[in-house]
Protein backbone atom coordinates (compact mmCIF):
# COMPACT_ATOMS: atom_id res chain seq x y z
CA UNK A 1 39.54 68.22 20.41
CA UNK A 2 41.98 70.25 18.31
CA UNK A 3 45.53 69.65 17.20
CA UNK A 4 48.28 72.03 18.13
CA UNK A 5 50.02 73.05 14.81
CA UNK A 6 48.32 70.56 12.76
CA UNK A 7 49.79 69.44 9.39
CA UNK A 8 48.33 70.31 6.03
CA UNK A 9 45.93 67.82 4.65
CA UNK A 10 43.85 65.00 6.00
CA UNK A 11 43.67 61.40 6.40
CA UNK A 12 40.59 59.45 4.86
CA UNK A 13 39.78 56.55 7.20
CA UNK A 14 36.68 54.39 7.78
CA UNK A 15 35.31 52.05 10.68
CA UNK A 16 36.02 49.16 8.58
CA UNK A 17 37.25 47.85 5.02
CA UNK A 18 34.39 48.02 2.48
CA UNK A 19 33.02 51.40 3.82
CA UNK A 20 34.08 53.18 0.53
CA UNK A 21 37.06 55.13 1.46
CA UNK A 22 38.99 54.18 -1.70
CA UNK A 23 36.00 55.63 -3.81
CA UNK A 24 35.80 58.42 -1.80
CA UNK A 25 39.61 59.17 -1.79
CA UNK A 26 39.85 58.85 -5.80
CA UNK A 27 36.54 61.17 -6.11
CA UNK A 28 38.31 63.89 -3.60
CA UNK A 29 41.63 63.64 -5.77
CA UNK A 30 39.61 63.88 -9.15
CA UNK A 31 37.72 66.82 -7.69
CA UNK A 32 40.66 68.55 -6.56
CA UNK A 33 42.48 68.20 -9.81
CA UNK A 34 39.44 69.65 -11.69
CA UNK A 35 39.48 72.55 -9.13
CA UNK A 36 42.95 73.21 -9.52
CA UNK A 37 43.76 72.48 -5.99
CA UNK A 38 47.36 71.33 -5.39
CA UNK A 39 47.37 68.26 -3.19
CA UNK A 40 49.70 65.32 -2.61
CA UNK A 41 48.41 61.75 -2.45
CA UNK A 42 49.48 58.96 -0.17
CA UNK A 43 48.18 55.51 1.00
CA UNK A 44 48.57 54.14 4.48
CA UNK A 45 50.09 50.80 5.02
CA UNK A 46 51.45 48.10 2.60
CA UNK A 47 49.53 48.62 -0.50
CA UNK A 48 50.68 48.47 -4.25
CA UNK A 49 47.36 48.91 -5.98
CA UNK A 50 45.56 51.82 -4.56
CA UNK A 51 48.49 54.46 -5.28
CA UNK A 52 48.20 53.57 -8.93
CA UNK A 53 44.78 54.72 -8.85
CA UNK A 54 45.54 57.81 -6.74
CA UNK A 55 48.23 58.82 -9.38
CA UNK A 56 45.75 58.12 -12.25
CA UNK A 57 43.07 60.25 -10.55
CA UNK A 58 45.23 63.23 -9.91
CA UNK A 59 48.01 63.00 -12.53
CA UNK A 60 50.96 62.86 -10.02
CA UNK A 61 52.58 59.98 -7.97
CA UNK A 62 51.41 58.48 -4.77
CA UNK A 63 53.70 57.28 -1.94
CA UNK A 64 53.16 54.60 0.66
CA UNK A 65 53.46 55.60 4.32
CA UNK A 66 53.42 52.58 6.58
CA UNK A 67 53.41 53.44 10.36
CA UNK A 68 54.33 49.70 11.15
CA UNK A 69 56.94 48.77 8.81
CA UNK A 70 58.74 52.29 8.37
CA UNK A 71 60.95 54.44 10.46
CA UNK A 72 58.99 57.52 11.54
CA UNK A 73 61.91 59.53 10.25
CA UNK A 74 61.36 57.78 6.65
CA UNK A 75 57.55 58.67 7.10
CA UNK A 76 58.16 62.17 7.73
CA UNK A 77 60.57 62.58 5.03
CA UNK A 78 58.38 60.81 2.42
CA UNK A 79 55.19 62.97 3.74
CA UNK A 80 57.11 66.11 2.87
CA UNK A 81 55.85 68.14 0.12
CA UNK A 82 56.34 71.31 -1.63
CA UNK A 83 53.52 73.16 0.20
CA UNK A 84 50.60 70.68 -1.11
CA UNK A 85 48.44 69.53 1.74
CA UNK A 86 48.46 65.61 1.99
CA UNK A 87 45.60 63.42 1.18
CA UNK A 88 45.99 60.11 2.81
CA UNK A 89 43.97 57.01 2.16
CA UNK A 90 43.70 55.07 5.20
CA UNK A 91 43.76 51.23 5.33
CA UNK A 92 41.32 48.81 6.67
CA UNK A 93 39.39 50.40 9.77
CA UNK A 94 40.89 53.58 11.38
CA UNK A 95 42.36 51.68 14.38
CA UNK A 96 43.35 48.41 12.52
CA UNK A 97 46.92 47.80 11.86
CA UNK A 98 49.46 44.89 12.25
CA UNK A 99 48.75 41.49 14.43
CA UNK A 100 49.95 43.34 17.47
CA UNK A 101 47.59 46.36 17.06
CA UNK A 102 50.66 48.62 15.99
CA UNK A 103 50.72 50.61 12.72
CA UNK A 104 47.26 51.86 12.24
CA UNK A 105 46.06 54.75 10.20
CA UNK A 106 45.34 56.37 13.58
CA UNK A 107 48.86 56.03 14.54
CA UNK A 108 49.80 57.77 10.98
CA UNK A 109 47.51 60.46 11.66
CA UNK A 110 48.97 61.32 14.96
CA UNK A 111 52.49 60.98 13.70
CA UNK A 112 51.85 63.46 10.78
CA UNK A 113 49.46 65.48 12.88
CA UNK A 114 46.74 65.17 10.42
CA UNK A 115 42.77 65.41 11.09
CA UNK A 116 40.67 62.43 10.06
CA UNK A 117 37.70 62.23 7.87
CA UNK A 118 35.64 59.13 8.63
CA UNK A 119 33.65 57.66 5.83
CA UNK A 120 30.86 55.67 7.21
CA UNK A 121 28.77 53.04 5.37
CA UNK A 122 25.33 54.00 6.41
CA UNK A 123 23.36 51.43 4.43
CA UNK A 124 21.06 49.25 6.52
CA UNK A 125 21.31 51.76 9.64
CA UNK A 126 19.94 55.07 10.91
CA UNK A 127 20.16 56.27 14.41
CA UNK A 128 22.86 53.70 15.36
CA UNK A 129 25.18 55.84 13.41
CA UNK A 130 25.53 58.02 16.44
CA UNK A 131 27.01 55.29 18.69
CA UNK A 132 29.54 54.02 15.98
CA UNK A 133 30.60 57.83 15.41
CA UNK A 134 30.84 58.52 18.91
CA UNK A 135 33.02 55.56 19.64
CA UNK A 136 35.38 56.39 16.78
CA UNK A 137 35.45 59.97 17.97
CA UNK A 138 36.39 59.01 21.59
CA UNK A 139 38.28 55.79 21.28
CA UNK A 140 41.56 57.79 21.29
CA UNK A 141 42.22 61.30 22.62
CA UNK A 142 44.98 62.10 20.46
CA UNK A 143 43.15 61.43 17.23
CA UNK A 144 41.24 64.55 15.68
CA UNK A 145 38.04 63.78 14.04
CA UNK A 146 37.44 66.48 11.40
CA UNK A 147 34.37 65.16 10.50
CA UNK A 148 32.07 62.40 8.93
CA UNK A 149 30.91 61.41 5.52
CA UNK A 150 27.73 59.82 5.20
CA UNK A 151 28.30 57.29 2.48
CA UNK A 152 25.70 54.96 0.79
CA UNK A 153 22.70 56.94 1.83
CA UNK A 154 19.27 55.59 0.48
CA UNK A 155 17.29 58.65 0.23
CA UNK A 156 16.59 62.29 1.66
CA UNK A 157 14.66 60.87 4.48
CA UNK A 158 17.40 58.35 5.26
CA UNK A 159 19.80 61.26 5.33
CA UNK A 160 17.88 63.55 7.63
CA UNK A 161 17.64 60.54 10.10
CA UNK A 162 21.25 60.18 10.18
CA UNK A 163 22.00 63.87 10.46
CA UNK A 164 19.48 64.16 13.22
CA UNK A 165 21.04 61.18 15.15
CA UNK A 166 24.59 62.79 14.85
CA UNK A 167 23.58 66.38 15.72
CA UNK A 168 23.82 66.04 19.60
CA UNK A 169 27.31 64.67 19.11
CA UNK A 170 28.86 67.91 17.68
CA UNK A 171 30.39 66.17 15.01
CA UNK A 172 30.49 67.95 11.70
CA UNK A 173 29.04 66.20 8.81
CA UNK A 174 31.07 66.98 5.88
CA UNK A 175 28.53 65.33 3.30
CA UNK A 176 26.14 62.84 2.40
CA UNK A 177 26.72 60.62 -0.61
CA UNK A 178 24.16 58.29 -2.32
CA UNK A 179 24.74 54.66 -3.14
CA UNK A 180 26.64 54.53 -6.45
CA UNK A 181 27.08 50.83 -7.54
CA UNK A 182 27.90 52.14 -11.15
CA UNK A 183 31.24 53.52 -9.50
CA UNK A 184 32.44 49.99 -8.08
CA UNK A 185 35.62 49.10 -9.22
CA UNK A 186 36.48 45.42 -10.37
CA UNK A 187 38.32 43.27 -8.02
CA UNK A 188 40.77 40.13 -8.19
CA UNK A 189 42.58 37.97 -5.64
CA UNK A 190 44.86 40.58 -4.12
CA UNK A 191 42.48 43.59 -4.42
CA UNK A 192 41.26 45.97 -7.09
CA UNK A 193 42.31 45.05 -10.56
CA UNK A 194 45.20 47.72 -11.13
CA UNK A 195 44.49 51.08 -12.60
CA UNK A 196 46.44 50.33 -15.87
CA UNK A 197 44.30 47.44 -17.01
CA UNK A 198 41.13 49.45 -17.01
CA UNK A 199 39.87 50.71 -20.32
CA UNK A 200 37.91 53.64 -19.27
CA UNK A 201 39.14 54.70 -15.98
CA UNK A 202 38.80 58.41 -16.71
CA UNK A 203 35.12 58.38 -17.26
CA UNK A 204 34.59 56.53 -14.05
CA UNK A 205 36.73 59.11 -11.99
CA UNK A 206 35.07 62.01 -13.64
CA UNK A 207 31.70 60.47 -12.74
CA UNK A 208 33.28 59.98 -9.31
CA UNK A 209 34.06 63.55 -8.82
CA UNK A 210 30.45 64.58 -9.84
CA UNK A 211 29.32 62.31 -7.34
CA UNK A 212 31.44 64.09 -4.78
CA UNK A 213 30.69 67.55 -5.68
CA UNK A 214 27.10 66.88 -5.21
CA UNK A 215 27.03 65.58 -1.92
CA UNK A 216 29.98 67.24 -0.07
CA UNK A 217 30.28 70.60 1.73
CA UNK A 218 32.76 71.88 -0.67
CA UNK A 219 33.73 74.90 1.26
CA UNK A 220 34.71 72.97 4.30
CA UNK A 221 36.56 70.43 2.02
CA UNK A 222 38.58 73.31 0.36
CA UNK A 223 39.38 74.53 3.98
CA UNK A 224 40.67 71.45 5.07
CA UNK A 225 42.93 71.40 2.04
CA UNK A 226 44.19 74.68 2.38
CA UNK A 227 48.15 74.81 2.45
CA UNK A 228 49.98 75.59 5.57
CA UNK A 229 53.54 76.47 6.22
CA UNK A 230 55.19 73.24 7.77
CA UNK A 231 58.91 72.50 8.64
CA UNK A 232 60.43 70.22 5.93
CA UNK A 233 62.38 67.17 7.57
CA UNK A 234 65.52 65.93 6.33
CA UNK A 235 65.79 63.37 3.74
CA UNK A 236 66.20 59.86 5.14
CA UNK A 237 68.08 57.07 3.27
CA UNK A 238 65.99 53.82 2.46
CA UNK A 239 67.12 50.34 1.71
CA UNK A 240 70.67 50.23 -0.02
CA UNK A 241 70.52 49.57 -3.52
CA UNK A 242 71.25 46.11 -5.17
CA UNK A 243 73.90 47.50 -7.52
CA UNK A 244 75.12 50.56 -9.49
CA UNK A 245 73.03 49.87 -12.35
CA UNK A 246 69.88 47.83 -11.64
CA UNK A 247 67.66 46.50 -14.16
CA UNK A 248 63.99 46.66 -12.80
CA UNK A 249 61.26 44.37 -14.22
CA UNK A 250 58.13 46.52 -14.69
CA UNK A 251 54.81 45.52 -16.33
CA UNK A 252 51.41 43.87 -15.52
CA UNK A 253 53.24 40.69 -14.17
CA UNK A 254 55.69 42.62 -12.15
CA UNK A 255 53.67 45.68 -10.95
CA UNK A 256 54.20 45.50 -7.27
CA UNK A 257 57.05 47.91 -6.30
CA UNK A 258 57.14 50.55 -3.76
CA UNK A 259 58.06 54.03 -5.36
CA UNK A 260 60.23 55.16 -2.36
CA UNK A 261 62.75 52.14 -3.06
CA UNK A 262 63.32 53.19 -6.47
CA UNK A 263 63.63 56.85 -5.64
CA UNK A 264 65.89 56.04 -2.65
CA UNK A 265 68.10 53.97 -4.90
CA UNK A 266 68.37 56.80 -7.60
CA UNK A 267 69.15 59.31 -4.65
CA UNK A 268 72.09 57.08 -3.59
CA UNK A 269 73.33 57.34 -7.20
CA UNK A 270 71.99 53.99 -8.76
CA UNK A 271 71.07 53.97 -12.43
CA UNK A 272 67.95 52.09 -12.83
CA UNK A 273 66.78 50.48 -16.26
CA UNK A 274 63.25 49.36 -16.61
CA UNK A 275 62.35 46.39 -18.67
CA UNK A 276 59.29 44.33 -19.56
CA UNK A 277 59.42 40.59 -19.33
CA UNK A 278 55.80 40.46 -20.87
CA UNK A 279 57.19 42.51 -24.00
CA UNK A 280 59.77 39.71 -24.39
CA UNK A 281 62.51 42.21 -22.98
CA UNK A 282 65.63 41.06 -20.96
CA UNK A 283 67.74 43.16 -18.79
CA UNK A 284 70.16 45.57 -20.36
CA UNK A 285 73.85 43.96 -20.75
CA UNK A 286 75.43 46.76 -18.89
CA UNK A 287 73.47 46.16 -15.52
CA UNK A 288 75.15 44.74 -12.29
CA UNK A 289 71.88 43.82 -10.70
CA UNK A 290 68.31 42.64 -11.57
CA UNK A 291 65.30 43.15 -9.57
CA UNK A 292 62.27 41.27 -10.31
CA UNK A 293 59.43 42.49 -7.97
CA UNK A 294 56.02 40.91 -7.16
CA UNK A 295 52.87 41.23 -9.30
CA UNK A 296 50.63 38.68 -11.09
CA UNK A 297 53.02 36.28 -12.77
CA UNK A 298 50.48 33.42 -12.09
CA UNK A 299 48.07 35.31 -14.49
CA UNK A 300 50.64 35.55 -17.26
CA UNK A 301 52.68 32.35 -16.76
CA UNK A 302 52.22 31.24 -20.26
CA UNK A 303 53.58 34.45 -21.63
CA UNK A 304 56.55 34.42 -19.26
CA UNK A 305 57.30 30.82 -20.17
CA UNK A 306 57.51 31.75 -23.94
CA UNK A 307 59.47 34.95 -23.56
CA UNK A 308 62.57 33.68 -25.00
CA UNK A 309 64.33 36.99 -25.14
CA UNK A 310 63.61 37.50 -21.49
CA UNK A 311 64.81 34.11 -20.50
CA UNK A 312 68.12 34.71 -22.39
CA UNK A 313 68.61 38.08 -21.21
CA UNK A 314 68.34 36.68 -17.52
CA UNK A 315 70.82 33.54 -18.28
CA UNK A 316 73.15 36.14 -19.47
CA UNK A 317 72.80 38.37 -16.38
CA UNK A 318 73.52 35.34 -14.05
CA UNK A 319 76.20 34.08 -16.11
CA UNK A 320 77.98 37.37 -15.84
CA UNK A 321 77.66 37.41 -12.03
CA UNK A 322 74.96 40.04 -11.91
CA UNK A 323 72.96 40.05 -8.54
CA UNK A 324 69.50 38.64 -9.12
CA UNK A 325 66.78 39.28 -6.51
CA UNK A 326 63.19 38.48 -6.77
CA UNK A 327 60.44 38.96 -4.38
CA UNK A 328 56.91 37.45 -4.13
CA UNK A 329 56.06 37.05 -7.81
CA UNK A 330 59.61 37.58 -8.88
CA UNK A 331 60.62 34.73 -6.55
CA UNK A 332 58.06 32.50 -8.11
CA UNK A 333 59.55 33.40 -11.74
CA UNK A 334 63.15 32.49 -10.49
CA UNK A 335 61.91 29.02 -9.54
CA UNK A 336 61.67 26.06 -11.71
CA UNK A 337 57.78 26.05 -12.57
CA UNK A 338 54.50 27.95 -11.73
CA UNK A 339 51.47 26.03 -11.72
CA UNK A 340 48.47 28.25 -12.90
CA UNK A 341 44.96 28.12 -11.78
CA UNK A 342 43.91 25.51 -14.18
CA UNK A 343 46.53 23.16 -12.94
CA UNK A 344 49.04 23.61 -16.04
CA UNK A 345 52.78 23.95 -14.91
CA UNK A 346 54.68 26.46 -16.79
CA UNK A 347 58.48 26.32 -16.88
CA UNK A 348 60.18 29.32 -15.17
CA UNK A 349 63.80 30.55 -15.23
CA UNK A 350 64.94 27.41 -13.07
CA UNK A 351 67.52 29.50 -11.15
CA UNK A 352 66.29 28.66 -7.68
CA UNK A 353 65.17 25.01 -6.85
CA UNK A 354 61.44 26.08 -6.28
CA UNK A 355 57.99 25.05 -7.65
CA UNK A 356 55.02 26.93 -7.01
CA UNK A 357 51.49 26.72 -7.43
CA UNK A 358 48.32 29.03 -7.72
CA UNK A 359 45.93 25.99 -8.15
CA UNK A 360 46.36 25.16 -4.50
CA UNK A 361 45.46 28.70 -3.09
CA UNK A 362 46.21 29.48 0.53
CA UNK A 363 46.32 33.13 1.78
CA UNK A 364 49.70 34.40 3.16
CA UNK A 365 49.17 37.92 4.90
CA UNK A 366 51.03 39.64 7.47
CA UNK A 367 54.16 41.76 8.45
CA UNK A 368 57.48 40.21 8.75
CA UNK A 369 60.71 41.20 10.32
CA UNK A 370 63.82 39.59 8.53
CA UNK A 371 67.39 39.02 9.73
CA UNK A 372 69.42 38.54 6.55
CA UNK A 373 71.44 35.38 6.50
CA UNK A 374 74.85 34.86 4.93
CA UNK A 375 75.12 36.05 1.14
CA UNK A 376 71.76 37.79 1.32
CA UNK A 377 71.63 41.10 -0.61
CA UNK A 378 71.43 43.22 2.55
CA UNK A 379 73.11 42.87 5.91
CA UNK A 380 70.77 45.01 8.31
CA UNK A 381 67.59 43.78 9.67
CA UNK A 382 64.65 44.47 7.39
CA UNK A 383 60.72 45.23 7.69
CA UNK A 384 58.48 43.60 5.12
CA UNK A 385 55.21 41.99 4.53
CA UNK A 386 53.79 39.13 2.72
CA UNK A 387 50.49 38.97 0.68
CA UNK A 388 49.97 36.13 -1.76
CA UNK A 389 47.76 33.13 -2.52
CA UNK A 390 50.16 30.75 -4.10
CA UNK A 391 51.87 27.99 -2.41
CA UNK A 392 55.33 26.23 -2.41
CA UNK A 393 54.86 22.73 -4.08
CA UNK A 394 58.48 21.89 -3.39
CA UNK A 395 61.94 23.14 -2.76
CA UNK A 396 65.40 21.75 -3.28
CA UNK A 397 68.66 22.19 -1.77
CA UNK A 398 69.87 25.85 -1.51
CA UNK A 399 71.00 28.22 1.14
CA UNK A 400 68.21 30.16 3.09
CA UNK A 401 67.90 33.85 2.79
CA UNK A 402 66.25 35.36 5.87
CA UNK A 403 65.33 34.37 9.56
CA UNK A 404 61.84 35.65 9.92
CA UNK A 405 59.48 36.64 12.88
CA UNK A 406 55.92 38.03 12.32
CA UNK A 407 54.33 40.96 14.11
CA UNK A 408 53.71 39.10 17.27
CA UNK A 409 57.24 38.12 17.55
CA UNK A 410 56.51 34.58 16.79
CA UNK A 411 59.45 32.64 14.80
CA UNK A 412 58.57 31.64 11.29
CA UNK A 413 61.92 29.99 10.85
CA UNK A 414 64.04 30.46 7.85
CA UNK A 415 62.60 31.67 4.43
CA UNK A 416 63.60 32.28 0.85
CA UNK A 417 66.37 30.73 -1.08
CA UNK A 418 69.71 31.54 -2.55
CA UNK A 419 72.12 30.07 -4.96
CA UNK A 420 75.31 32.19 -5.40
CA UNK A 421 74.23 35.63 -6.31
CA UNK A 422 70.56 34.65 -7.33
CA UNK A 423 68.14 34.93 -4.20
CA UNK A 424 64.50 35.64 -3.34
CA UNK A 425 61.59 35.09 -1.12
CA UNK A 426 57.87 35.65 -0.69
CA UNK A 427 58.48 38.85 1.47
CA UNK A 428 58.03 42.33 0.08
CA UNK A 429 60.68 44.47 1.65
CA UNK A 430 59.66 47.87 2.96
CA UNK A 431 62.33 49.48 5.05
CA UNK A 432 65.16 48.88 7.27
CA UNK A 433 63.91 47.74 10.52
């Protein structure tokens, strides 16, 4: 099928997670940069880590586009570029989304009228690839499959069998890429180790670009990335800012923050002041609000506990009545203590009656709809998600922050804590609901 007036760009998807779409996307972006092609990167769904790799590969920021948690108008606004084709990395499998089935990469491709490039892990299969590709091509009539990338191909003979199996389908094979274990990126409990923590990422990305160029039909890829004239949607407001001048913690312990929120706050006239708790910095004295985003405080708990300048700065902000908000990792730091993987309990700020543990791990994952309770930083309903392995050891007396339901509409009760102008929860807020 063809899409009437398709948008400029493509969406990289796969039948399932682990098929190689992240490496393929990074290789494509790095190759495009080397060719002087002007493209704009994006990531489908709630992911803080992959956009950092996109930015490193291409040398320009990447944006999240979440078809479950973002309003369609906001997605269109964030996807608007200055004529550059979009390269969107999908999430999970092409048709996977929230627990209710909504918000998949396929939904995003339809919303933005983007053709899909399907990356298929061909290891341990040959002719069966035809049945798999046929199913993904025909599952939804509104999704346009631009072509297939045969990934982890074992040999020229293996490639010939795969191409032969797909020939009768009429699906274009965009390229065949050999298995490349030397390009594997290290992982930890929340996904890939963030891009900023790699010592020689540029060498890996350059190698990936060469891997891409050696196996892909480059003329077809350039045609898919040809710019087209598209209408520019109006700018859409995002989450209201926490204050007029907001101090934002930003380092390896507080790395999980959506760029569209900060951009929206700046557009609303808010002044942002970044600081690093790991460098023992506190929020600037002139700030009327402090935001502690999520990240990996469990990996840096000892340094945070010993950061006297950070603690003093936060205490001063609380004493002068600044609004202080923490989510996920930031919420843990606002508590009384954080137990690390070795069972050592490190003292945190003690602003909220909360003790958390990374020793007793349990996965918490899913979208949330939040109804702010009295005293919360926002009044309107919010779309959010949770993704963490830490657990709550104990909670004391404090006001609750949100009433929450999950993607299936099941009542999760009240979550988060608030004491006066200090508040937080495990939920990462994405947009107005």
